[in-house]
Amino acid sequence: MSAALRFKRSIVKQLSRFTPCSESELLELIRVPKKTQEGQYSVSLAQLKASLPDSHALTEQQQNPYTWSEEIAQK
C-alpha cells in the first residue's frame, strides 16, 4: 500500500467518527492527498469538508482546526 493511501485511510478512520458515512464511502469520496515540498502528505480541513456531501457535513466543533488537530493527535 502506498504512503498516500495509508495517509488517506488514517484520515478516513478519524472522519468516520464524526460523520454518518461508512469508512468505505469516505474512501470513495476523499481524494488521495498530494505531497508537500517537504515530502509529507497533507490535506486541509477545507478539502476534507469539500469532499463530503452536504448531508454529512461536519458540526461546528468538528470544523474547528484546533479541535480537529487534537483529535487526530490523540490517536
C-alpha atoms as a PDB file:
ATOM      1  CA  MET A   1       0.000   0.000   0.000  1.00  0.00           C
ATOM      2  CA  SER A   2       1.348   3.413  -0.925  1.00  0.00           C
ATOM      3  CA  ALA A   3       2.120   6.062   1.682  1.00  0.00           C
ATOM      4  CA  ALA A   4      -0.608   8.288   0.228  1.00  0.00           C
ATOM      5  CA  LEU A   5      -3.208   5.549   0.613  1.00  0.00           C
ATOM      6  CA  ARG A   6      -2.096   4.825   4.189  1.00  0.00           C
ATOM      7  CA  PHE A   7      -2.421   8.538   4.968  1.00  0.00           C
ATOM      8  CA  LYS A   8      -5.861   8.625   3.341  1.00  0.00           C
ATOM      9  CA  ARG A   9      -7.003   5.609   5.375  1.00  0.00           C
ATOM     10  CA  SER A  10      -5.868   7.253   8.628  1.00  0.00           C
ATOM     11  CA  ILE A  11      -7.916  10.354   7.746  1.00  0.00           C
ATOM     12  CA  VAL A  12     -10.928   8.208   6.903  1.00  0.00           C
ATOM     13  CA  LYS A  13     -10.768   6.429  10.264  1.00  0.00           C
ATOM     14  CA  GLN A  14     -10.901   9.816  12.007  1.00  0.00           C
ATOM     15  CA  LEU A  15     -13.665  11.212   9.785  1.00  0.00           C
ATOM     16  CA  SER A  16     -15.852   8.136  10.197  1.00  0.00           C
ATOM     17  CA  ARG A  17     -16.158   9.005  13.892  1.00  0.00           C
ATOM     18  CA  PHE A  18     -17.699  12.391  13.003  1.00  0.00           C
ATOM     19  CA  THR A  19     -19.969  11.618  10.074  1.00  0.00           C
ATOM     20  CA  PRO A  20     -22.659   9.056   9.324  1.00  0.00           C
ATOM     21  CA  CYS A  21     -20.579   7.912   6.313  1.00  0.00           C
ATOM     22  CA  SER A  22     -19.003   4.486   6.457  1.00  0.00           C
ATOM     23  CA  GLU A  23     -15.245   4.147   6.004  1.00  0.00           C
ATOM     24  CA  SER A  24     -15.757   2.643   2.539  1.00  0.00           C
ATOM     25  CA  GLU A  25     -17.961   5.606   1.500  1.00  0.00           C
ATOM     26  CA  LEU A  26     -15.372   8.059   2.772  1.00  0.00           C
ATOM     27  CA  LEU A  27     -12.563   6.264   0.917  1.00  0.00           C
ATOM     28  CA  GLU A  28     -14.502   6.820  -2.305  1.00  0.00           C
ATOM     29  CA  LEU A  29     -15.303  10.480  -1.527  1.00  0.00           C
ATOM     30  CA  ILE A  30     -11.877  11.702  -0.460  1.00  0.00           C
ATOM     31  CA  ARG A  31      -9.120  12.181  -2.993  1.00  0.00           C
ATOM     32  CA  VAL A  32      -5.607  10.917  -2.331  1.00  0.00           C
ATOM     33  CA  PRO A  33      -3.663  13.804  -0.770  1.00  0.00           C
ATOM     34  CA  LYS A  34      -0.728  15.458  -2.501  1.00  0.00           C
ATOM     35  CA  LYS A  35       2.828  15.547  -1.207  1.00  0.00           C
ATOM     36  CA  THR A  36       4.133  18.790   0.231  1.00  0.00           C
ATOM     37  CA  GLN A  37       7.547  20.202  -0.670  1.00  0.00           C
ATOM     38  CA  GLU A  38       8.924  18.522   2.455  1.00  0.00           C
ATOM     39  CA  GLY A  39       7.793  15.135   1.142  1.00  0.00           C
ATOM     40  CA  GLN A  40       4.930  14.796   3.636  1.00  0.00           C
ATOM     41  CA  TYR A  41       1.310  14.187   2.754  1.00  0.00           C
ATOM     42  CA  SER A  42      -1.070  16.954   3.676  1.00  0.00           C
ATOM     43  CA  VAL A  43      -4.758  17.659   3.333  1.00  0.00           C
ATOM     44  CA  SER A  44      -6.613  20.674   4.674  1.00  0.00           C
ATOM     45  CA  LEU A  45      -9.818  20.525   6.638  1.00  0.00           C
ATOM     46  CA  ALA A  46     -11.439  22.612   3.888  1.00  0.00           C
ATOM     47  CA  GLN A  47     -10.508  19.920   1.345  1.00  0.00           C
ATOM     48  CA  LEU A  48     -11.998  17.223   3.570  1.00  0.00           C
ATOM     49  CA  LYS A  49     -15.201  19.187   4.108  1.00  0.00           C
ATOM     50  CA  ALA A  50     -15.499  19.808   0.363  1.00  0.00           C
ATOM     51  CA  SER A  51     -15.256  16.048  -0.213  1.00  0.00           C
ATOM     52  CA  LEU A  52     -18.269  15.286   1.980  1.00  0.00           C
ATOM     53  CA  PRO A  53     -21.841  15.524   0.703  1.00  0.00           C
ATOM     54  CA  ASP A  54     -23.903  18.294   2.373  1.00  0.00           C
ATOM     55  CA  SER A  55     -25.922  15.700   4.273  1.00  0.00           C
ATOM     56  CA  HIS A  56     -22.721  14.558   6.009  1.00  0.00           C
ATOM     57  CA  ALA A  57     -21.326  17.987   6.873  1.00  0.00           C
ATOM     58  CA  LEU A  58     -19.158  18.274   9.952  1.00  0.00           C
ATOM     59  CA  THR A  59     -20.574  20.021  13.016  1.00  0.00           C
ATOM     60  CA  GLU A  60     -19.271  23.410  14.152  1.00  0.00           C
ATOM     61  CA  GLN A  61     -16.981  21.791  16.744  1.00  0.00           C
ATOM     62  CA  GLN A  62     -15.566  19.423  14.135  1.00  0.00           C
ATOM     63  CA  GLN A  63     -14.823  22.387  11.849  1.00  0.00           C
ATOM     64  CA  ASN A  64     -12.531  23.920  14.465  1.00  0.00           C
ATOM     65  CA  PRO A  65      -8.978  23.117  13.249  1.00  0.00           C
ATOM     66  CA  TYR A  66      -7.580  23.072  16.794  1.00  0.00           C
ATOM     67  CA  THR A  67     -10.159  20.538  17.951  1.00  0.00           C
ATOM     68  CA  TRP A  68      -9.567  18.528  14.779  1.00  0.00           C
ATOM     69  CA  SER A  69      -5.782  18.522  15.257  1.00  0.00           C
ATOM     70  CA  GLU A  70      -6.110  17.479  18.884  1.00  0.00           C
ATOM     71  CA  GLU A  71      -8.457  14.630  17.951  1.00  0.00           C
ATOM     72  CA  ILE A  72      -6.001  13.296  15.360  1.00  0.00           C
ATOM     73  CA  ALA A  73      -3.040  13.762  17.707  1.00  0.00           C
ATOM     74  CA  GLN A  74      -4.762  11.650  20.360  1.00  0.00           C
ATOM     75  CA  LYS A  75      -4.917   8.672  18.015  1.00  0.00           C
END
